PDB file of N, CA and C in Angstrom:
ATOM      1  N   MET A   1       0.854  -0.999   0.341  1.00  0.00           N
ATOM      2  CA  MET A   1      -0.168  -0.421  -0.003  1.00  0.00           C
ATOM      3  C   MET A   1       1.360   1.330  -0.343  1.00  0.00           C
ATOM      4  N   ALA A   2       0.837   1.835  -1.252  1.00  0.00           N
ATOM      5  CA  ALA A   2       1.083   3.370  -1.227  1.00  0.00           C
ATOM      6  C   ALA A   2       1.148   4.381   0.400  1.00  0.00           C
ATOM      7  N   SER A   3       1.923   5.037   0.699  1.00  0.00           N
ATOM      8  CA  SER A   3       1.852   5.773   1.968  1.00  0.00           C
ATOM      9  C   SER A   3       1.210   7.391   1.730  1.00  0.00           C
ATOM     10  N   THR A   4       1.588   7.192  -0.360  1.00  0.00           N
ATOM     11  CA  THR A   4       0.494   8.959   0.027  1.00  0.00           C
ATOM     12  C   THR A   4      -0.284   8.955  -1.082  1.00  0.00           C
ATOM     13  N   PRO A   5      -0.860   9.204  -1.316  1.00  0.00           N
ATOM     14  CA  PRO A   5      -2.235   9.348  -2.538  1.00  0.00           C
ATOM     15  C   PRO A   5      -1.617   9.037  -3.691  1.00  0.00           C
ATOM     16  N   ILE A   6      -2.784   8.497  -4.797  1.00  0.00           N
ATOM     17  CA  ILE A   6      -2.378   8.837  -6.053  1.00  0.00           C
ATOM     18  C   ILE A   6      -3.845   8.758  -6.349  1.00  0.00           C
ATOM     19  N   VAL A   7      -3.820   9.761  -6.925  1.00  0.00           N
ATOM     20  CA  VAL A   7      -4.551  10.657  -7.797  1.00  0.00           C
ATOM     21  C   VAL A   7      -4.594  10.210  -9.202  1.00  0.00           C
ATOM     22  N   TYR A   8      -6.056   9.934  -9.945  1.00  0.00           N
ATOM     23  CA  TYR A   8      -5.911   9.149 -11.225  1.00  0.00           C
ATOM     24  C   TYR A   8      -7.370  10.437 -11.916  1.00  0.00           C
ATOM     25  N   GLY A   9      -5.997  10.598 -13.153  1.00  0.00           N
ATOM     26  CA  GLY A   9      -7.153  11.315 -13.756  1.00  0.00           C
ATOM     27  C   GLY A   9      -6.340  11.804 -15.351  1.00  0.00           C
ATOM     28  N   ILE A  10      -6.782  13.017 -16.151  1.00  0.00           N
ATOM     29  CA  ILE A  10      -6.539  14.524 -16.793  1.00  0.00           C
ATOM     30  C   ILE A  10      -5.611  15.359 -16.898  1.00  0.00           C
ATOM     31  N   PRO A  11      -4.801  15.522 -16.879  1.00  0.00           N
ATOM     32  CA  PRO A  11      -3.988  16.686 -16.735  1.00  0.00           C
ATOM     33  C   PRO A  11      -4.691  17.969 -16.861  1.00  0.00           C
ATOM     34  N   ASN A  12      -5.379  18.587 -18.096  1.00  0.00           N
ATOM     35  CA  ASN A  12      -6.075  19.591 -17.878  1.00  0.00           C
ATOM     36  C   ASN A  12      -7.906  19.474 -17.817  1.00  0.00           C
ATOM     37  N   CYS A  13      -8.349  18.371 -17.087  1.00  0.00           N
ATOM     38  CA  CYS A  13      -9.403  17.931 -16.538  1.00  0.00           C
ATOM     39  C   CYS A  13      -9.833  19.553 -15.185  1.00  0.00           C
ATOM     40  N   THR A  14     -10.927  20.595 -14.930  1.00  0.00           N
ATOM     41  CA  THR A  14     -10.991  21.743 -14.237  1.00  0.00           C
ATOM     42  C   THR A  14     -10.395  20.765 -12.720  1.00  0.00           C
ATOM     43  N   THR A  15     -11.730  19.680 -13.033  1.00  0.00           N
ATOM     44  CA  THR A  15     -11.588  18.756 -11.727  1.00  0.00           C
ATOM     45  C   THR A  15     -10.122  18.275 -10.893  1.00  0.00           C
ATOM     46  N   VAL A  16      -9.967  17.668 -11.628  1.00  0.00           N
ATOM     47  CA  VAL A  16      -8.578  17.413 -12.134  1.00  0.00           C
ATOM     48  C   VAL A  16      -7.353  18.287 -11.084  1.00  0.00           C
ATOM     49  N   LYS A  17      -7.854  19.615 -11.063  1.00  0.00           N
ATOM     50  CA  LYS A  17      -6.559  21.085 -11.590  1.00  0.00           C
ATOM     51  C   LYS A  17      -7.302  20.979 -10.212  1.00  0.00           C
ATOM     52  N   LYS A  18      -8.754  21.482  -9.188  1.00  0.00           N
ATOM     53  CA  LYS A  18      -9.426  21.610  -8.354  1.00  0.00           C
ATOM     54  C   LYS A  18      -8.051  20.907  -7.452  1.00  0.00           C
ATOM     55  N   ALA A  19      -8.549  19.750  -7.221  1.00  0.00           N
ATOM     56  CA  ALA A  19      -8.473  18.414  -7.017  1.00  0.00           C
ATOM     57  C   ALA A  19      -6.189  18.901  -6.375  1.00  0.00           C
ATOM     58  N   ARG A  20      -5.713  18.826  -7.411  1.00  0.00           N
ATOM     59  CA  ARG A  20      -4.220  19.276  -7.130  1.00  0.00           C
ATOM     60  C   ARG A  20      -3.538  20.529  -6.782  1.00  0.00           C
ATOM     61  N   THR A  21      -4.945  21.637  -6.756  1.00  0.00           N
ATOM     62  CA  THR A  21      -4.401  22.459  -6.007  1.00  0.00           C
ATOM     63  C   THR A  21      -4.727  22.874  -4.995  1.00  0.00           C
ATOM     64  N   TRP A  22      -5.521  22.208  -4.147  1.00  0.00           N
ATOM     65  CA  TRP A  22      -6.137  21.260  -2.916  1.00  0.00           C
ATOM     66  C   TRP A  22      -5.312  20.803  -2.291  1.00  0.00           C
ATOM     67  N   LEU A  23      -4.762  19.571  -2.202  1.00  0.00           N
ATOM     68  CA  LEU A  23      -3.529  18.672  -2.388  1.00  0.00           C
ATOM     69  C   LEU A  23      -2.177  19.608  -1.999  1.00  0.00           C
ATOM     70  N   ASP A  24      -2.137  20.302  -3.249  1.00  0.00           N
ATOM     71  CA  ASP A  24      -0.784  21.125  -2.640  1.00  0.00           C
ATOM     72  C   ASP A  24      -0.950  22.348  -1.805  1.00  0.00           C
ATOM     73  N   GLY A  25      -2.325  22.632  -2.196  1.00  0.00           N
ATOM     74  CA  GLY A  25      -2.130  23.731  -0.387  1.00  0.00           C
ATOM     75  C   GLY A  25      -2.437  23.460   1.062  1.00  0.00           C
ATOM     76  N   GLN A  26      -3.074  22.100   0.852  1.00  0.00           N
ATOM     77  CA  GLN A  26      -2.797  20.856   1.945  1.00  0.00           C
ATOM     78  C   GLN A  26      -1.171  20.528   2.017  1.00  0.00           C
ATOM     79  N   GLU A  27      -0.423  21.106   1.841  1.00  0.00           N
ATOM     80  CA  GLU A  27       0.983  20.294   1.845  1.00  0.00           C
ATOM     81  C   GLU A  27       1.501  19.449   1.639  1.00  0.00           C
ATOM     82  N   ARG A  28       0.120  18.046   0.688  1.00  0.00           N
ATOM     83  CA  ARG A  28       0.153  16.775   0.778  1.00  0.00           C
ATOM     84  C   ARG A  28       0.318  16.952  -0.220  1.00  0.00           C
ATOM     85  N   ALA A  29       1.960  15.546  -0.418  1.00  0.00           N
ATOM     86  CA  ALA A  29       2.820  15.385  -1.282  1.00  0.00           C
ATOM     87  C   ALA A  29       1.767  13.662  -2.261  1.00  0.00           C
ATOM     88  N   TYR A  30       1.619  13.571  -2.946  1.00  0.00           N
ATOM     89  CA  TYR A  30       0.852  11.984  -3.310  1.00  0.00           C
ATOM     90  C   TYR A  30       1.249  12.536  -5.175  1.00  0.00           C
ATOM     91  N   GLU A  31       0.588  11.200  -5.645  1.00  0.00           N
ATOM     92  CA  GLU A  31       1.325  10.756  -7.418  1.00  0.00           C
ATOM     93  C   GLU A  31       0.226  11.003  -8.255  1.00  0.00           C
ATOM     94  N   PHE A  32       0.418  11.887  -9.053  1.00  0.00           N
ATOM     95  CA  PHE A  32      -0.191  11.824 -10.915  1.00  0.00           C
ATOM     96  C   PHE A  32      -0.364  10.941 -10.705  1.00  0.00           C
ATOM     97  N   HIS A  33      -1.087  10.092 -11.564  1.00  0.00           N
ATOM     98  CA  HIS A  33      -1.433   9.665 -13.231  1.00  0.00           C
ATOM     99  C   HIS A  33      -2.442   9.355 -14.037  1.00  0.00           C
ATOM    100  N   ASP A  34      -1.202   9.463 -14.811  1.00  0.00           N
ATOM    101  CA  ASP A  34      -2.417  10.381 -16.083  1.00  0.00           C
ATOM    102  C   ASP A  34      -2.480   9.384 -16.914  1.00  0.00           C
ATOM    103  N   PHE A  35      -4.063   9.319 -16.976  1.00  0.00           N
ATOM    104  CA  PHE A  35      -4.933   8.575 -17.920  1.00  0.00           C
ATOM    105  C   PHE A  35      -4.289   8.846 -19.259  1.00  0.00           C
ATOM    106  N   LYS A  36      -4.222   9.277 -19.872  1.00  0.00           N
ATOM    107  CA  LYS A  36      -3.853   9.766 -21.202  1.00  0.00           C
ATOM    108  C   LYS A  36      -2.615   9.263 -21.504  1.00  0.00           C
ATOM    109  N   LYS A  37      -0.730   9.170 -20.693  1.00  0.00           N
ATOM    110  CA  LYS A  37       0.132   9.230 -21.083  1.00  0.00           C
ATOM    111  C   LYS A  37      -0.047   7.524 -20.545  1.00  0.00           C
ATOM    112  N   ALA A  38      -0.737   7.527 -19.340  1.00  0.00           N
ATOM    113  CA  ALA A  38      -0.168   5.819 -19.049  1.00  0.00           C
ATOM    114  C   ALA A  38      -0.982   5.022 -18.914  1.00  0.00           C
ATOM    115  N   GLY A  39      -2.369   5.227 -19.261  1.00  0.00           N
ATOM    116  CA  GLY A  39      -3.376   4.456 -19.835  1.00  0.00           C
ATOM    117  C   GLY A  39      -3.851   4.194 -18.161  1.00  0.00           C
ATOM    118  N   VAL A  40      -5.433   3.110 -18.347  1.00  0.00           N
ATOM    119  CA  VAL A  40      -6.034   2.759 -16.878  1.00  0.00           C
ATOM    120  C   VAL A  40      -5.460   1.569 -16.470  1.00  0.00           C
ATOM    121  N   PRO A  41      -5.517   1.804 -15.193  1.00  0.00           N
ATOM    122  CA  PRO A  41      -4.660   0.405 -14.693  1.00  0.00           C
ATOM    123  C   PRO A  41      -5.646  -0.564 -14.442  1.00  0.00           C
ATOM    124  N   GLU A  42      -5.293  -1.632 -15.390  1.00  0.00           N
ATOM    125  CA  GLU A  42      -6.636  -2.817 -15.596  1.00  0.00           C
ATOM    126  C   GLU A  42      -7.176  -3.450 -14.365  1.00  0.00           C
ATOM    127  N   SER A  43      -5.603  -3.952 -13.989  1.00  0.00           N
ATOM    128  CA  SER A  43      -6.080  -4.108 -13.076  1.00  0.00           C
ATOM    129  C   SER A  43      -6.692  -3.204 -11.013  1.00  0.00           C
ATOM    130  N   HIS A  44      -6.663  -1.783 -10.889  1.00  0.00           N
ATOM    131  CA  HIS A  44      -6.816  -1.130 -10.205  1.00  0.00           C
ATOM    132  C   HIS A  44      -9.259  -1.208 -10.649  1.00  0.00           C
ATOM    133  N   LEU A  45      -9.152  -1.571 -11.659  1.00  0.00           N
ATOM    134  CA  LEU A  45     -10.364  -1.168 -11.882  1.00  0.00           C
ATOM    135  C   LEU A  45     -11.915  -1.989 -10.822  1.00  0.00           C
ATOM    136  N   PRO A  46     -11.267  -3.503 -10.277  1.00  0.00           N
ATOM    137  CA  PRO A  46     -12.562  -3.808  -9.792  1.00  0.00           C
ATOM    138  C   PRO A  46     -12.455  -3.519  -8.431  1.00  0.00           C
ATOM    139  N   GLN A  47     -11.300  -2.781  -7.785  1.00  0.00           N
ATOM    140  CA  GLN A  47     -10.975  -2.551  -6.491  1.00  0.00           C
ATOM    141  C   GLN A  47     -12.359  -1.021  -6.431  1.00  0.00           C
ATOM    142  N   TRP A  48     -11.621  -0.481  -7.765  1.00  0.00           N
ATOM    143  CA  TRP A  48     -12.398   1.152  -7.295  1.00  0.00           C
ATOM    144  C   TRP A  48     -14.270   0.603  -7.664  1.00  0.00           C
ATOM    145  N   ILE A  49     -14.682  -0.487  -8.070  1.00  0.00           N
ATOM    146  CA  ILE A  49     -15.897  -0.247  -8.653  1.00  0.00           C
ATOM    147  C   ILE A  49     -16.621  -1.255  -6.959  1.00  0.00           C
ATOM    148  N   ALA A  50     -15.606  -1.830  -6.435  1.00  0.00           N
ATOM    149  CA  ALA A  50     -16.146  -2.714  -5.873  1.00  0.00           C
ATOM    150  C   ALA A  50     -16.489  -1.870  -4.648  1.00  0.00           C
ATOM    151  N   GLN A  51     -15.527  -0.416  -4.675  1.00  0.00           N
ATOM    152  CA  GLN A  51     -15.527   1.096  -3.222  1.00  0.00           C
ATOM    153  C   GLN A  51     -16.420   2.092  -4.277  1.00  0.00           C
ATOM    154  N   ALA A  52     -16.217   2.596  -5.481  1.00  0.00           N
ATOM    155  CA  ALA A  52     -16.855   3.310  -5.406  1.00  0.00           C
ATOM    156  C   ALA A  52     -18.396   2.759  -6.368  1.00  0.00           C
ATOM    157  N   GLY A  53     -18.694   1.572  -6.766  1.00  0.00           N
ATOM    158  CA  GLY A  53     -19.755   0.577  -8.091  1.00  0.00           C
ATOM    159  C   GLY A  53     -19.426   2.106  -9.822  1.00  0.00           C
ATOM    160  N   TRP A  54     -19.805   1.012 -10.638  1.00  0.00           N
ATOM    161  CA  TRP A  54     -19.525   1.479 -11.831  1.00  0.00           C
ATOM    162  C   TRP A  54     -20.728   2.290 -11.678  1.00  0.00           C
ATOM    163  N   GLU A  55     -21.301   3.007 -11.163  1.00  0.00           N
ATOM    164  CA  GLU A  55     -22.203   4.213 -11.905  1.00  0.00           C
ATOM    165  C   GLU A  55     -20.978   5.165 -11.074  1.00  0.00           C
ATOM    166  N   LYS A  56     -21.129   4.788 -10.214  1.00  0.00           N
ATOM    167  CA  LYS A  56     -20.709   6.758 -10.310  1.00  0.00           C
ATOM    168  C   LYS A  56     -19.229   6.534 -10.962  1.00  0.00           C
ATOM    169  N   LEU A  57     -18.229   5.978 -11.667  1.00  0.00           N
ATOM    170  CA  LEU A  57     -17.352   5.927 -11.643  1.00  0.00           C
ATOM    171  C   LEU A  57     -17.311   6.344 -14.054  1.00  0.00           C
ATOM    172  N   VAL A  58     -18.727   5.622 -14.276  1.00  0.00           N
ATOM    173  CA  VAL A  58     -19.283   6.428 -15.766  1.00  0.00           C
ATOM    174  C   VAL A  58     -19.324   7.491 -15.778  1.00  0.00           C
ATOM    175  N   ASN A  59     -18.978   8.544 -15.673  1.00  0.00           N
ATOM    176  CA  ASN A  59     -19.447   9.390 -15.988  1.00  0.00           C
ATOM    177  C   ASN A  59     -20.268   9.970 -16.904  1.00  0.00           C
ATOM    178  N   ARG A  60     -21.705  10.290 -16.686  1.00  0.00           N
ATOM    179  CA  ARG A  60     -22.507  10.154 -17.634  1.00  0.00           C
ATOM    180  C   ARG A  60     -22.700  12.244 -18.133  1.00  0.00           C
ATOM    181  N   GLN A  61     -22.565  12.665 -17.202  1.00  0.00           N
ATOM    182  CA  GLN A  61     -22.283  14.154 -17.590  1.00  0.00           C
ATOM    183  C   GLN A  61     -21.241  14.807 -18.625  1.00  0.00           C
ATOM    184  N   GLY A  62     -20.515  13.939 -18.711  1.00  0.00           N
ATOM    185  CA  GLY A  62     -19.357  14.346 -19.972  1.00  0.00           C
ATOM    186  C   GLY A  62     -18.927  14.260 -20.769  1.00  0.00           C
ATOM    187  N   THR A  63     -18.708  14.928 -21.540  1.00  0.00           N
ATOM    188  CA  THR A  63     -18.565  14.865 -22.448  1.00  0.00           C
ATOM    189  C   THR A  63     -18.430  13.847 -23.746  1.00  0.00           C
ATOM    190  N   THR A  64     -17.368  13.018 -23.665  1.00  0.00           N
ATOM    191  CA  THR A  64     -16.966  11.686 -23.917  1.00  0.00           C
ATOM    192  C   THR A  64     -17.917  10.684 -23.856  1.00  0.00           C
ATOM    193  N   TRP A  65     -19.321  10.868 -22.639  1.00  0.00           N
ATOM    194  CA  TRP A  65     -20.322   9.280 -23.143  1.00  0.00           C
ATOM    195  C   TRP A  65     -21.633  10.381 -24.264  1.00  0.00           C
ATOM    196  N   ARG A  66     -21.612  11.753 -23.503  1.00  0.00           N
ATOM    197  CA  ARG A  66     -22.293  12.541 -24.270  1.00  0.00           C
ATOM    198  C   ARG A  66     -22.306  11.886 -26.314  1.00  0.00           C
ATOM    199  N   LYS A  67     -20.861  12.584 -26.654  1.00  0.00           N
ATOM    200  CA  LYS A  67     -20.715  11.248 -27.904  1.00  0.00           C
ATOM    201  C   LYS A  67     -20.353   9.937 -27.829  1.00  0.00           C
ATOM    202  N   LEU A  68     -21.158   9.590 -27.174  1.00  0.00           N
ATOM    203  CA  LEU A  68     -21.273   7.678 -27.465  1.00  0.00           C
ATOM    204  C   LEU A  68     -22.212   7.683 -28.253  1.00  0.00           C
ATOM    205  N   PRO A  69     -22.820   6.777 -28.765  1.00  0.00           N
ATOM    206  CA  PRO A  69     -23.932   6.390 -30.026  1.00  0.00           C
ATOM    207  C   PRO A  69     -24.361   5.882 -29.032  1.00  0.00           C
ATOM    208  N   PRO A  70     -25.569   5.823 -29.278  1.00  0.00           N
ATOM    209  CA  PRO A  70     -26.654   5.933 -27.673  1.00  0.00           C
ATOM    210  C   PRO A  70     -26.766   3.706 -27.766  1.00  0.00           C
ATOM    211  N   GLU A  71     -26.443   3.181 -28.559  1.00  0.00           N
ATOM    212  CA  GLU A  71     -26.413   1.395 -28.830  1.00  0.00           C
ATOM    213  C   GLU A  71     -25.077   2.133 -27.715  1.00  0.00           C
ATOM    214  N   ALA A  72     -24.217   1.858 -27.793  1.00  0.00           N
ATOM    215  CA  ALA A  72     -23.061   2.246 -26.576  1.00  0.00           C
ATOM    216  C   ALA A  72     -23.288   2.406 -25.276  1.00  0.00           C
ATOM    217  N   GLN A  73     -23.634   3.506 -24.823  1.00  0.00           N
ATOM    218  CA  GLN A  73     -24.340   4.283 -24.555  1.00  0.00           C
ATOM    219  C   GLN A  73     -25.330   3.049 -23.367  1.00  0.00           C
ATOM    220  N   ALA A  74     -26.338   2.507 -24.213  1.00  0.00           N
ATOM    221  CA  ALA A  74     -27.164   1.611 -23.061  1.00  0.00           C
ATOM    222  C   ALA A  74     -26.856   0.164 -23.442  1.00  0.00           C
ATOM    223  N   ALA A  75     -25.607  -0.661 -24.223  1.00  0.00           N
ATOM    224  CA  ALA A  75     -24.829  -1.102 -23.508  1.00  0.00           C
ATOM    225  C   ALA A  75     -23.940  -1.609 -22.431  1.00  0.00           C
ATOM    226  N   VAL A  76     -23.867  -0.120 -21.803  1.00  0.00           N
ATOM    227  CA  VAL A  76     -23.383  -0.232 -20.284  1.00  0.00           C
ATOM    228  C   VAL A  76     -24.261  -0.253 -18.858  1.00  0.00           C
ATOM    229  N   THR A  77     -24.309  -2.230 -18.937  1.00  0.00           N
ATOM    230  CA  THR A  77     -25.079  -2.088 -18.122  1.00  0.00           C
ATOM    231  C   THR A  77     -25.462  -2.715 -16.604  1.00  0.00           C
ATOM    232  N   ASP A  78     -23.904  -2.658 -16.580  1.00  0.00           N
ATOM    233  CA  ASP A  78     -23.551  -3.554 -15.579  1.00  0.00           C
ATOM    234  C   ASP A  78     -21.582  -4.005 -15.094  1.00  0.00           C
ATOM    235  N   ALA A  79     -21.303  -3.692 -13.872  1.00  0.00           N
ATOM    236  CA  ALA A  79     -20.161  -3.673 -13.529  1.00  0.00           C
ATOM    237  C   ALA A  79     -18.313  -4.542 -15.311  1.00  0.00           C
ATOM    238  N   ALA A  80     -18.852  -5.438 -15.917  1.00  0.00           N
ATOM    239  CA  ALA A  80     -18.394  -6.390 -16.550  1.00  0.00           C
ATOM    240  C   ALA A  80     -18.121  -4.537 -18.146  1.00  0.00           C
ATOM    241  N   SER A  81     -19.216  -4.501 -18.368  1.00  0.00           N
ATOM    242  CA  SER A  81     -19.712  -3.647 -19.800  1.00  0.00           C
ATOM    243  C   SER A  81     -18.779  -2.096 -19.300  1.00  0.00           C
ATOM    244  N   ALA A  82     -19.105  -1.418 -18.325  1.00  0.00           N
ATOM    245  CA  ALA A  82     -18.268  -0.499 -17.626  1.00  0.00           C
ATOM    246  C   ALA A  82     -17.106  -0.542 -18.301  1.00  0.00           C
ATOM    247  N   SER A  83     -16.489  -1.359 -17.171  1.00  0.00           N
ATOM    248  CA  SER A  83     -15.439  -2.074 -17.170  1.00  0.00           C
ATOM    249  C   SER A  83     -14.426  -1.522 -19.054  1.00  0.00           C
ATOM    250  N   ARG A  84     -15.010  -2.272 -19.360  1.00  0.00           N
ATOM    251  CA  ARG A  84     -14.636  -2.349 -21.323  1.00  0.00           C
ATOM    252  C   ARG A  84     -14.266  -1.300 -21.726  1.00  0.00           C
ATOM    253  N   LEU A  85     -15.831  -0.396 -21.120  1.00  0.00           N
ATOM    254  CA  LEU A  85     -15.755   0.705 -21.901  1.00  0.00           C
ATOM    255  C   LEU A  85     -14.606   1.764 -21.652  1.00  0.00           C
ATOM    256  N   MET A  86     -14.189   2.150 -20.216  1.00  0.00           N
ATOM    257  CA  MET A  86     -13.700   2.575 -19.261  1.00  0.00           C
ATOM    258  C   MET A  86     -12.047   3.154 -19.818  1.00  0.00           C
ATOM    259  N   MET A  87     -11.995   1.538 -20.018  1.00  0.00           N
ATOM    260  CA  MET A  87     -10.567   0.387 -20.592  1.00  0.00           C
ATOM    261  C   MET A  87     -10.435   1.435 -22.147  1.00  0.00           C
ATOM    262  N   GLU A  88     -11.069   1.479 -22.742  1.00  0.00           N
ATOM    263  CA  GLU A  88     -11.632   1.633 -24.098  1.00  0.00           C
ATOM    264  C   GLU A  88     -10.839   3.318 -24.486  1.00  0.00           C
ATOM    265  N   GLN A  89     -12.499   3.587 -23.466  1.00  0.00           N
ATOM    266  CA  GLN A  89     -12.431   5.178 -23.499  1.00  0.00           C
ATOM    267  C   GLN A  89     -11.971   6.013 -21.207  1.00  0.00           C
ATOM    268  N   PRO A  90     -10.991   6.428 -21.575  1.00  0.00           N
ATOM    269  CA  PRO A  90     -10.420   6.722 -20.196  1.00  0.00           C
ATOM    270  C   PRO A  90     -11.632   7.355 -20.037  1.00  0.00           C
ATOM    271  N   SER A  91     -11.355   9.085 -21.017  1.00  0.00           N
ATOM    272  CA  SER A  91     -12.142  10.144 -20.808  1.00  0.00           C
ATOM    273  C   SER A  91     -13.856   9.930 -19.976  1.00  0.00           C
ATOM    274  N   VAL A  92     -14.321   8.538 -20.132  1.00  0.00           N
ATOM    275  CA  VAL A  92     -14.963   8.614 -19.190  1.00  0.00           C
ATOM    276  C   VAL A  92     -14.997   8.351 -18.270  1.00  0.00           C
ATOM    277  N   ILE A  93     -13.952   7.705 -17.305  1.00  0.00           N
ATOM    278  CA  ILE A  93     -14.129   7.990 -16.141  1.00  0.00           C
ATOM    279  C   ILE A  93     -14.166   9.406 -15.215  1.00  0.00           C
ATOM    280  N   LYS A  94     -15.012   9.368 -13.843  1.00  0.00           N
ATOM    281  CA  LYS A  94     -15.444  10.566 -13.377  1.00  0.00           C
ATOM    282  C   LYS A  94     -14.220  10.919 -12.988  1.00  0.00           C
ATOM    283  N   ARG A  95     -13.745  11.612 -12.446  1.00  0.00           N
ATOM    284  CA  ARG A  95     -12.123  12.270 -12.262  1.00  0.00           C
ATOM    285  C   ARG A  95     -11.749  13.260 -11.300  1.00  0.00           C
ATOM    286  N   PRO A  96     -11.167  13.260  -9.937  1.00  0.00           N
ATOM    287  CA  PRO A  96     -10.102  12.232  -9.946  1.00  0.00           C
ATOM    288  C   PRO A  96     -10.677  10.876  -9.724  1.00  0.00           C
ATOM    289  N   VAL A  97     -10.088   9.759  -9.898  1.00  0.00           N
ATOM    290  CA  VAL A  97     -10.206   8.737  -9.014  1.00  0.00           C
ATOM    291  C   VAL A  97      -8.748   8.463  -7.031  1.00  0.00           C
ATOM    292  N   VAL A  98      -8.919   8.549  -6.548  1.00  0.00           N
ATOM    293  CA  VAL A  98      -7.452   8.273  -5.819  1.00  0.00           C
ATOM    294  C   VAL A  98      -7.717   7.281  -4.739  1.00  0.00           C
ATOM    295  N   GLU A  99      -6.551   6.886  -5.005  1.00  0.00           N
ATOM    296  CA  GLU A  99      -6.068   5.517  -3.911  1.00  0.00           C
ATOM    297  C   GLU A  99      -5.728   6.232  -3.049  1.00  0.00           C
ATOM    298  N   TRP A 100      -6.037   6.339  -1.457  1.00  0.00           N
ATOM    299  CA  TRP A 100      -5.737   6.567  -0.923  1.00  0.00           C
ATOM    300  C   TRP A 100      -5.049   5.559   0.272  1.00  0.00           C
ATOM    301  N   PRO A 101      -3.762   6.453   1.219  1.00  0.00           N
ATOM    302  CA  PRO A 101      -2.876   5.522   1.694  1.00  0.00           C
ATOM    303  C   PRO A 101      -4.024   4.109   2.604  1.00  0.00           C
ATOM    304  N   ASP A 102      -4.633   4.704   2.959  1.00  0.00           N
ATOM    305  CA  ASP A 102      -5.557   3.452   4.267  1.00  0.00           C
ATOM    306  C   ASP A 102      -6.513   2.499   3.039  1.00  0.00           C
ATOM    307  N   GLY A 103      -5.530   2.601   1.606  1.00  0.00           N
ATOM    308  CA  GLY A 103      -6.968   1.333   1.002  1.00  0.00           C
ATOM    309  C   GLY A 103      -7.769   1.849   0.316  1.00  0.00           C
ATOM    310  N   SER A 104      -8.737   3.206   1.408  1.00  0.00           N
ATOM    311  CA  SER A 104     -10.021   3.817  -0.367  1.00  0.00           C
ATOM    312  C   SER A 104      -9.697   4.168  -1.231  1.00  0.00           C
ATOM    313  N   VAL A 105     -10.644   3.852  -1.766  1.00  0.00           N
ATOM    314  CA  VAL A 105     -10.677   5.114  -3.026  1.00  0.00           C
ATOM    315  C   VAL A 105     -11.676   5.682  -3.046  1.00  0.00           C
ATOM    316  N   THR A 106     -11.109   7.163  -3.959  1.00  0.00           N
ATOM    317  CA  THR A 106     -12.823   8.032  -4.101  1.00  0.00           C
ATOM    318  C   THR A 106     -12.822   8.771  -4.996  1.00  0.00           C
ATOM    319  N   VAL A 107     -14.449   8.844  -5.675  1.00  0.00           N
ATOM    320  CA  VAL A 107     -13.950   9.384  -7.403  1.00  0.00           C
ATOM    321  C   VAL A 107     -15.329  10.756  -7.228  1.00  0.00           C
ATOM    322  N   GLY A 108     -13.758  12.033  -7.752  1.00  0.00           N
ATOM    323  CA  GLY A 108     -14.713  13.708  -7.499  1.00  0.00           C
ATOM    324  C   GLY A 108     -13.271  14.060  -6.332  1.00  0.00           C
ATOM    325  N   PHE A 109     -14.532  15.635  -6.094  1.00  0.00           N
ATOM    326  CA  PHE A 109     -12.917  15.980  -5.793  1.00  0.00           C
ATOM    327  C   PHE A 109     -14.359  16.295  -4.342  1.00  0.00           C
ATOM    328  N   ASP A 110     -14.031  15.964  -3.202  1.00  0.00           N
ATOM    329  CA  ASP A 110     -14.186  16.675  -2.160  1.00  0.00           C
ATOM    330  C   ASP A 110     -13.865  16.698  -1.461  1.00  0.00           C
ATOM    331  N   GLU A 111     -13.874  18.229  -0.783  1.00  0.00           N
ATOM    332  CA  GLU A 111     -12.984  18.985   0.457  1.00  0.00           C
ATOM    333  C   GLU A 111     -12.821  18.283   1.762  1.00  0.00           C
ATOM    334  N   ALA A 112     -14.436  18.250   1.629  1.00  0.00           N
ATOM    335  CA  ALA A 112     -15.161  17.843   2.851  1.00  0.00           C
ATOM    336  C   ALA A 112     -14.109  16.134   3.699  1.00  0.00           C
ATOM    337  N   ALA A 113     -15.272  15.682   2.075  1.00  0.00           N
ATOM    338  CA  ALA A 113     -14.346  13.983   2.578  1.00  0.00           C
ATOM    339  C   ALA A 113     -13.315  14.017   2.629  1.00  0.00           C
ATOM    340  N   TRP A 114     -12.191  14.750   1.871  1.00  0.00           N
ATOM    341  CA  TRP A 114     -10.314  14.626   1.568  1.00  0.00           C
ATOM    342  C   TRP A 114     -10.148  15.440   2.482  1.00  0.00           C
ATOM    343  N   THR A 115     -10.088  16.135   3.583  1.00  0.00           N
ATOM    344  CA  THR A 115     -10.096  16.754   4.405  1.00  0.00           C
ATOM    345  C   THR A 115      -8.916  15.452   5.787  1.00  0.00           C
ATOM    346  N   GLY A 116     -10.522  15.110   6.108  1.00  0.00           N
ATOM    347  CA  GLY A 116     -10.131  13.598   6.377  1.00  0.00           C
ATOM    348  C   GLY A 116      -9.323  12.658   6.415  1.00  0.00           C
ATOM    349  N   LYS A 117      -8.802  12.492   5.089  1.00  0.00           N
ATOM    350  CA  LYS A 117      -7.710  12.011   4.678  1.00  0.00           C
ATOM    351  C   LYS A 117      -6.099  12.530   4.637  1.00  0.00           C
ATOM    352  N   ILE A 118      -6.016  13.588   4.504  1.00  0.00           N
ATOM    353  CA  ILE A 118      -5.023  13.994   4.773  1.00  0.00           C
ATOM    354  C   ILE A 118      -3.861  13.934   6.100  1.00  0.00           C
TER     355      ILE A 118
END
């Protein structure tokens, strides 16, 4: 288990920027994993889904989801289909996904929830 949080996301995502700025302001060291450069760590998806739920991980409000054909959207009905989509289209994942040193996983930026983690 890592001693610093690992923040997964895309550098130009507004929410990821906000989260990283907040962590920097708290002087909290973290590792950043760029989905665009390093991809989605497939071995981590089951843990993310178990803790956060596939429904929360798939960002249905985002541009990537909205650009998918209706049949592709309709095909996302369970953890397996959601995992396939997240591997094929990393930008559909709600960001940031954070793996905390205590083993927990959070999705999105929630300052109140994160305060208890640092």
